[in-house]
Amino acid sequence: MSRTSELMKLPGVETAGLFSRKGFLEEFEGVMTVAEASEMANLCADVTMNVELQGRLLGRLADKPGWDGHGWITFGPEMAIIAIRDSACLVKAGHASFNQLIKTMTESAGR
């Protein structure tokens, strides 16, 4: 079973996808169109690299390494996007367990 299929089984997940560091959509399942999922992949790659950069800068500023970014979440009143490594999920915020999603997404990334 694909990683996106596993993520789609989690409560509240509307769309799950994998993206490359260059922002290309690798695979996805869910309610989005291919164009929407491609835009989400591009957004997630950009934000992920930005969060990783901020973590490295914070480590240098604090003179304490170890601020490696592994993912991020942004949410509104109804929906949220969670990105961990190379995967992203669009979820119904009130129907999902962020802890469960983060754990499952981290494990599925194998890191």
C-alpha atoms as a PDB file:
ATOM      1  CA  MET A   1       0.000   0.000   0.000  1.00  0.00           C
ATOM      2  CA  SER A   2       1.312   3.471  -0.856  1.00  0.00           C
ATOM      3  CA  ARG A   3       2.238   6.033   1.777  1.00  0.00           C
ATOM      4  CA  THR A   4      -0.580   8.313   0.660  1.00  0.00           C
ATOM      5  CA  SER A   5      -3.096   5.478   1.002  1.00  0.00           C
ATOM      6  CA  GLU A   6      -1.922   4.887   4.568  1.00  0.00           C
ATOM      7  CA  LEU A   7      -2.236   8.594   5.399  1.00  0.00           C
ATOM      8  CA  MET A   8      -5.722   8.783   3.849  1.00  0.00           C
ATOM      9  CA  LYS A   9      -6.916   6.229   6.436  1.00  0.00           C
ATOM     10  CA  LEU A  10      -6.301   8.691   9.289  1.00  0.00           C
ATOM     11  CA  PRO A  11      -9.306  10.581  10.683  1.00  0.00           C
ATOM     12  CA  GLY A  12      -9.894  13.982   9.109  1.00  0.00           C
ATOM     13  CA  VAL A  13      -7.471  13.599   6.184  1.00  0.00           C
ATOM     14  CA  GLU A  14      -8.968  15.077   3.003  1.00  0.00           C
ATOM     15  CA  THR A  15      -5.881  14.866   0.779  1.00  0.00           C
ATOM     16  CA  ALA A  16      -2.472  13.260   1.257  1.00  0.00           C
ATOM     17  CA  GLY A  17       0.507  13.719  -1.009  1.00  0.00           C
ATOM     18  CA  LEU A  18       4.239  13.333  -1.443  1.00  0.00           C
ATOM     19  CA  PHE A  19       6.397  16.097  -2.879  1.00  0.00           C
ATOM     20  CA  SER A  20      10.004  16.502  -3.983  1.00  0.00           C
ATOM     21  CA  ARG A  21      12.438  19.081  -2.639  1.00  0.00           C
ATOM     22  CA  LYS A  22      11.989  20.913  -5.942  1.00  0.00           C
ATOM     23  CA  GLY A  23       8.244  21.176  -5.333  1.00  0.00           C
ATOM     24  CA  PHE A  24       7.055  18.514  -7.731  1.00  0.00           C
ATOM     25  CA  LEU A  25       4.061  16.371  -6.844  1.00  0.00           C
ATOM     26  CA  GLU A  26       5.193  12.748  -6.556  1.00  0.00           C
ATOM     27  CA  GLU A  27       1.830  11.164  -5.695  1.00  0.00           C
ATOM     28  CA  PHE A  28      -1.442  12.115  -4.067  1.00  0.00           C
ATOM     29  CA  GLU A  29      -4.905  10.900  -3.131  1.00  0.00           C
ATOM     30  CA  GLY A  30      -7.928  12.842  -2.011  1.00  0.00           C
ATOM     31  CA  VAL A  31     -10.407  15.563  -2.848  1.00  0.00           C
ATOM     32  CA  MET A  32      -8.052  17.984  -4.614  1.00  0.00           C
ATOM     33  CA  THR A  33      -7.593  18.178  -8.358  1.00  0.00           C
ATOM     34  CA  VAL A  34      -4.170  17.403  -9.805  1.00  0.00           C
ATOM     35  CA  ALA A  35      -3.606  21.150 -10.326  1.00  0.00           C
ATOM     36  CA  GLU A  36      -4.524  21.942  -6.706  1.00  0.00           C
ATOM     37  CA  ALA A  37      -2.366  19.111  -5.378  1.00  0.00           C
ATOM     38  CA  SER A  38       0.547  20.319  -7.528  1.00  0.00           C
ATOM     39  CA  GLU A  39       0.183  23.814  -6.061  1.00  0.00           C
ATOM     40  CA  MET A  40       0.062  22.323  -2.554  1.00  0.00           C
ATOM     41  CA  ALA A  41       3.252  20.337  -3.287  1.00  0.00           C
ATOM     42  CA  ASN A  42       5.031  23.485  -4.456  1.00  0.00           C
ATOM     43  CA  LEU A  43       3.859  25.427  -1.385  1.00  0.00           C
ATOM     44  CA  CYS A  44       4.869  22.631   0.982  1.00  0.00           C
ATOM     45  CA  ALA A  45       8.353  22.302  -0.517  1.00  0.00           C
ATOM     46  CA  ASP A  46       8.906  26.072  -0.279  1.00  0.00           C
ATOM     47  CA  VAL A  47       7.677  26.361   3.306  1.00  0.00           C
ATOM     48  CA  THR A  48       9.560  23.224   4.391  1.00  0.00           C
ATOM     49  CA  MET A  49      12.869  24.553   3.085  1.00  0.00           C
ATOM     50  CA  ASN A  50      12.177  27.929   4.709  1.00  0.00           C
ATOM     51  CA  VAL A  51      11.431  26.305   8.088  1.00  0.00           C
ATOM     52  CA  GLU A  52      14.608  24.217   7.818  1.00  0.00           C
ATOM     53  CA  LEU A  53      16.631  27.354   7.042  1.00  0.00           C
ATOM     54  CA  GLN A  54      15.124  29.199  10.005  1.00  0.00           C
ATOM     55  CA  GLY A  55      16.016  26.272  12.265  1.00  0.00           C
ATOM     56  CA  ARG A  56      19.640  26.323  11.113  1.00  0.00           C
ATOM     57  CA  LEU A  57      19.814  30.102  11.574  1.00  0.00           C
ATOM     58  CA  LEU A  58      18.334  29.813  15.066  1.00  0.00           C
ATOM     59  CA  GLY A  59      20.918  27.158  15.915  1.00  0.00           C
ATOM     60  CA  ARG A  60      23.717  29.479  14.821  1.00  0.00           C
ATOM     61  CA  LEU A  61      22.229  32.467  16.626  1.00  0.00           C
ATOM     62  CA  ALA A  62      21.776  30.498  19.853  1.00  0.00           C
ATOM     63  CA  ASP A  63      25.147  28.782  19.367  1.00  0.00           C
ATOM     64  CA  LYS A  64      23.314  25.516  19.974  1.00  0.00           C
ATOM     65  CA  PRO A  65      22.841  23.139  17.054  1.00  0.00           C
ATOM     66  CA  GLY A  66      19.913  20.774  16.917  1.00  0.00           C
ATOM     67  CA  TRP A  67      17.107  23.013  15.693  1.00  0.00           C
ATOM     68  CA  ASP A  68      16.528  20.807  12.677  1.00  0.00           C
ATOM     69  CA  GLY A  69      13.070  21.283  11.219  1.00  0.00           C
ATOM     70  CA  HIS A  70      11.261  18.058  10.425  1.00  0.00           C
ATOM     71  CA  GLY A  71       7.928  19.599   9.483  1.00  0.00           C
ATOM     72  CA  TRP A  72       5.335  22.268  10.096  1.00  0.00           C
ATOM     73  CA  ILE A  73       1.607  22.847  10.556  1.00  0.00           C
ATOM     74  CA  THR A  74      -0.575  25.766   9.600  1.00  0.00           C
ATOM     75  CA  PHE A  75      -4.255  25.823  10.415  1.00  0.00           C
ATOM     76  CA  GLY A  76      -7.393  27.876  10.188  1.00  0.00           C
ATOM     77  CA  PRO A  77     -10.838  27.444  11.700  1.00  0.00           C
ATOM     78  CA  GLU A  78     -11.771  24.526   9.418  1.00  0.00           C
ATOM     79  CA  MET A  79      -8.713  23.157   7.617  1.00  0.00           C
ATOM     80  CA  ALA A  80      -5.042  22.551   8.312  1.00  0.00           C
ATOM     81  CA  ILE A  81      -1.971  21.568   6.315  1.00  0.00           C
ATOM     82  CA  ILE A  82       0.593  19.326   7.955  1.00  0.00           C
ATOM     83  CA  ALA A  83       3.926  18.685   6.245  1.00  0.00           C
ATOM     84  CA  ILE A  84       6.486  16.217   7.597  1.00  0.00           C
ATOM     85  CA  ARG A  85       9.624  15.611   5.519  1.00  0.00           C
ATOM     86  CA  ASP A  86       8.320  14.898   1.988  1.00  0.00           C
ATOM     87  CA  SER A  87       4.658  14.287   2.818  1.00  0.00           C
ATOM     88  CA  ALA A  88       1.727  16.625   3.326  1.00  0.00           C
ATOM     89  CA  CYS A  89      -1.861  16.216   4.459  1.00  0.00           C
ATOM     90  CA  LEU A  90      -4.797  18.567   4.118  1.00  0.00           C
ATOM     91  CA  VAL A  91      -7.074  17.826   7.068  1.00  0.00           C
ATOM     92  CA  LYS A  92     -10.337  18.918   8.644  1.00  0.00           C
ATOM     93  CA  ALA A  93      -8.944  20.604  11.741  1.00  0.00           C
ATOM     94  CA  GLY A  94     -11.689  19.558  14.151  1.00  0.00           C
ATOM     95  CA  HIS A  95     -11.701  15.936  12.985  1.00  0.00           C
ATOM     96  CA  ALA A  96      -7.997  15.122  13.165  1.00  0.00           C
ATOM     97  CA  SER A  97      -5.507  14.287  15.885  1.00  0.00           C
ATOM     98  CA  PHE A  98      -2.387  16.313  15.119  1.00  0.00           C
ATOM     99  CA  ASN A  99      -0.322  14.059  17.407  1.00  0.00           C
ATOM    100  CA  GLN A 100      -1.475  10.948  15.541  1.00  0.00           C
ATOM    101  CA  LEU A 101      -0.836  12.573  12.155  1.00  0.00           C
ATOM    102  CA  ILE A 102       2.659  13.740  13.098  1.00  0.00           C
ATOM    103  CA  LYS A 103       3.560  10.313  14.500  1.00  0.00           C
ATOM    104  CA  THR A 104       2.241   8.430  11.469  1.00  0.00           C
ATOM    105  CA  MET A 105       3.746  10.836   8.935  1.00  0.00           C
ATOM    106  CA  THR A 106       7.149  10.720  10.670  1.00  0.00           C
ATOM    107  CA  GLU A 107       7.093   6.916  10.766  1.00  0.00           C
ATOM    108  CA  SER A 108       6.022   6.669   7.126  1.00  0.00           C
ATOM    109  CA  ALA A 109       8.924   8.921   6.100  1.00  0.00           C
ATOM    110  CA  GLY A 110      11.250   6.356   7.684  1.00  0.00           C
ATOM    111  CA  ARG A 111      13.393   8.943   9.442  1.00  0.00           C
END
